[in-house]
Amino acid sequence: MRETLTVRIDREQAEWLEQTAERTGRSIAAIVREQIDLARRAPAEKRFMRLAGAVEGDAGASQRRGFSKK
């Protein structure tokens, strides 16, 4: 490894990391590196966002309170 990163996390995150490391027998650093790699491989946009603006229909069709046109 060539780079060092210092990150402040809250207690809940630290506890999750510690429990996961203990349960899996891996180091906290290995878990963090794995999660960074997973985030890097994830698509830049969420899959459902490709549909944004693609739906056609009556603009007043929403029945959700606060969104319907009266």
C-alpha atoms as a PDB file:
ATOM      1  CA  MET A   1       0.000   0.000   0.000  1.00  0.00           C
ATOM      2  CA  ARG A   2       1.248   3.435  -0.849  1.00  0.00           C
ATOM      3  CA  GLU A   3      -1.306   5.877   0.513  1.00  0.00           C
ATOM      4  CA  THR A   4      -2.630   6.467   4.008  1.00  0.00           C
ATOM      5  CA  LEU A   5      -6.072   7.868   4.680  1.00  0.00           C
ATOM      6  CA  THR A   6      -7.360   9.139   7.996  1.00  0.00           C
ATOM      7  CA  VAL A   7     -11.129   9.288   8.343  1.00  0.00           C
ATOM      8  CA  ARG A   8     -13.312  10.277  11.267  1.00  0.00           C
ATOM      9  CA  ILE A   9     -16.344   8.019  11.611  1.00  0.00           C
ATOM     10  CA  ASP A  10     -19.104   7.920  14.172  1.00  0.00           C
ATOM     11  CA  ARG A  11     -19.281   5.273  16.868  1.00  0.00           C
ATOM     12  CA  GLU A  12     -21.967   3.258  15.082  1.00  0.00           C
ATOM     13  CA  GLN A  13     -19.798   2.942  11.970  1.00  0.00           C
ATOM     14  CA  ALA A  14     -16.765   2.002  14.055  1.00  0.00           C
ATOM     15  CA  GLU A  15     -18.747  -0.683  15.870  1.00  0.00           C
ATOM     16  CA  TRP A  16     -19.979  -2.098  12.558  1.00  0.00           C
ATOM     17  CA  LEU A  17     -16.419  -2.222  11.235  1.00  0.00           C
ATOM     18  CA  GLU A  18     -15.112  -3.897  14.387  1.00  0.00           C
ATOM     19  CA  GLN A  19     -17.909  -6.488  14.430  1.00  0.00           C
ATOM     20  CA  THR A  20     -17.519  -7.236  10.737  1.00  0.00           C
ATOM     21  CA  ALA A  21     -13.760  -7.588  11.057  1.00  0.00           C
ATOM     22  CA  GLU A  22     -14.139  -9.939  14.010  1.00  0.00           C
ATOM     23  CA  ARG A  23     -16.877 -11.984  12.332  1.00  0.00           C
ATOM     24  CA  THR A  24     -15.021 -12.353   9.019  1.00  0.00           C
ATOM     25  CA  GLY A  25     -11.492 -12.624  10.374  1.00  0.00           C
ATOM     26  CA  ARG A  26     -10.349  -9.765   8.155  1.00  0.00           C
ATOM     27  CA  SER A  27      -8.734  -6.480   9.089  1.00  0.00           C
ATOM     28  CA  ILE A  28     -10.712  -3.259   9.273  1.00  0.00           C
ATOM     29  CA  ALA A  29      -8.447  -1.822   6.559  1.00  0.00           C
ATOM     30  CA  ALA A  30      -9.262  -4.730   4.224  1.00  0.00           C
ATOM     31  CA  ILE A  31     -12.987  -4.177   4.748  1.00  0.00           C
ATOM     32  CA  VAL A  32     -12.674  -0.453   4.047  1.00  0.00           C
ATOM     33  CA  ARG A  33     -10.643  -1.106   0.878  1.00  0.00           C
ATOM     34  CA  GLU A  34     -13.258  -3.631  -0.279  1.00  0.00           C
ATOM     35  CA  GLN A  35     -16.089  -1.133   0.274  1.00  0.00           C
ATOM     36  CA  ILE A  36     -14.195   1.573  -1.618  1.00  0.00           C
ATOM     37  CA  ASP A  37     -13.700  -0.824  -4.527  1.00  0.00           C
ATOM     38  CA  LEU A  38     -17.420  -1.707  -4.499  1.00  0.00           C
ATOM     39  CA  ALA A  39     -18.307   1.993  -4.618  1.00  0.00           C
ATOM     40  CA  ARG A  40     -15.896   2.544  -7.512  1.00  0.00           C
ATOM     41  CA  ARG A  41     -17.443  -0.288  -9.532  1.00  0.00           C
ATOM     42  CA  ALA A  42     -21.018   0.879  -8.959  1.00  0.00           C
ATOM     43  CA  PRO A  43     -22.627   2.715 -11.860  1.00  0.00           C
ATOM     44  CA  ALA A  44     -22.273   6.477 -11.705  1.00  0.00           C
ATOM     45  CA  GLU A  45     -26.031   6.855 -11.833  1.00  0.00           C
ATOM     46  CA  LYS A  46     -28.629   4.712 -10.174  1.00  0.00           C
ATOM     47  CA  ARG A  47     -30.305   2.349 -12.619  1.00  0.00           C
ATOM     48  CA  PHE A  48     -33.771   3.824 -12.134  1.00  0.00           C
ATOM     49  CA  MET A  49     -32.480   7.279 -13.097  1.00  0.00           C
ATOM     50  CA  ARG A  50     -32.177   6.187 -16.728  1.00  0.00           C
ATOM     51  CA  LEU A  51     -35.995   6.336 -16.812  1.00  0.00           C
ATOM     52  CA  ALA A  52     -36.198   9.903 -15.500  1.00  0.00           C
ATOM     53  CA  GLY A  53     -38.268  11.992 -17.908  1.00  0.00           C
ATOM     54  CA  ALA A  54     -39.154   8.977 -20.050  1.00  0.00           C
ATOM     55  CA  VAL A  55     -42.700   8.580 -18.797  1.00  0.00           C
ATOM     56  CA  GLU A  56     -45.384  10.323 -20.784  1.00  0.00           C
ATOM     57  CA  GLY A  57     -48.937  10.997 -19.762  1.00  0.00           C
ATOM     58  CA  ASP A  58     -51.326  13.499 -18.263  1.00  0.00           C
ATOM     59  CA  ALA A  59     -49.423  15.950 -16.080  1.00  0.00           C
ATOM     60  CA  GLY A  60     -52.259  15.871 -13.547  1.00  0.00           C
ATOM     61  CA  ALA A  61     -52.365  12.070 -13.295  1.00  0.00           C
ATOM     62  CA  SER A  62     -50.615  11.836  -9.947  1.00  0.00           C
ATOM     63  CA  GLN A  63     -52.904  10.889  -7.103  1.00  0.00           C
ATOM     64  CA  ARG A  64     -50.287  11.383  -4.414  1.00  0.00           C
ATOM     65  CA  ARG A  65     -51.360  14.143  -2.066  1.00  0.00           C
ATOM     66  CA  GLY A  66     -49.447  17.338  -2.697  1.00  0.00           C
ATOM     67  CA  PHE A  67     -48.571  16.430  -6.277  1.00  0.00           C
ATOM     68  CA  SER A  68     -51.948  16.290  -7.965  1.00  0.00           C
ATOM     69  CA  LYS A  69     -53.260  19.278  -9.875  1.00  0.00           C
ATOM     70  CA  LYS A  70     -56.723  20.409  -8.863  1.00  0.00           C
END
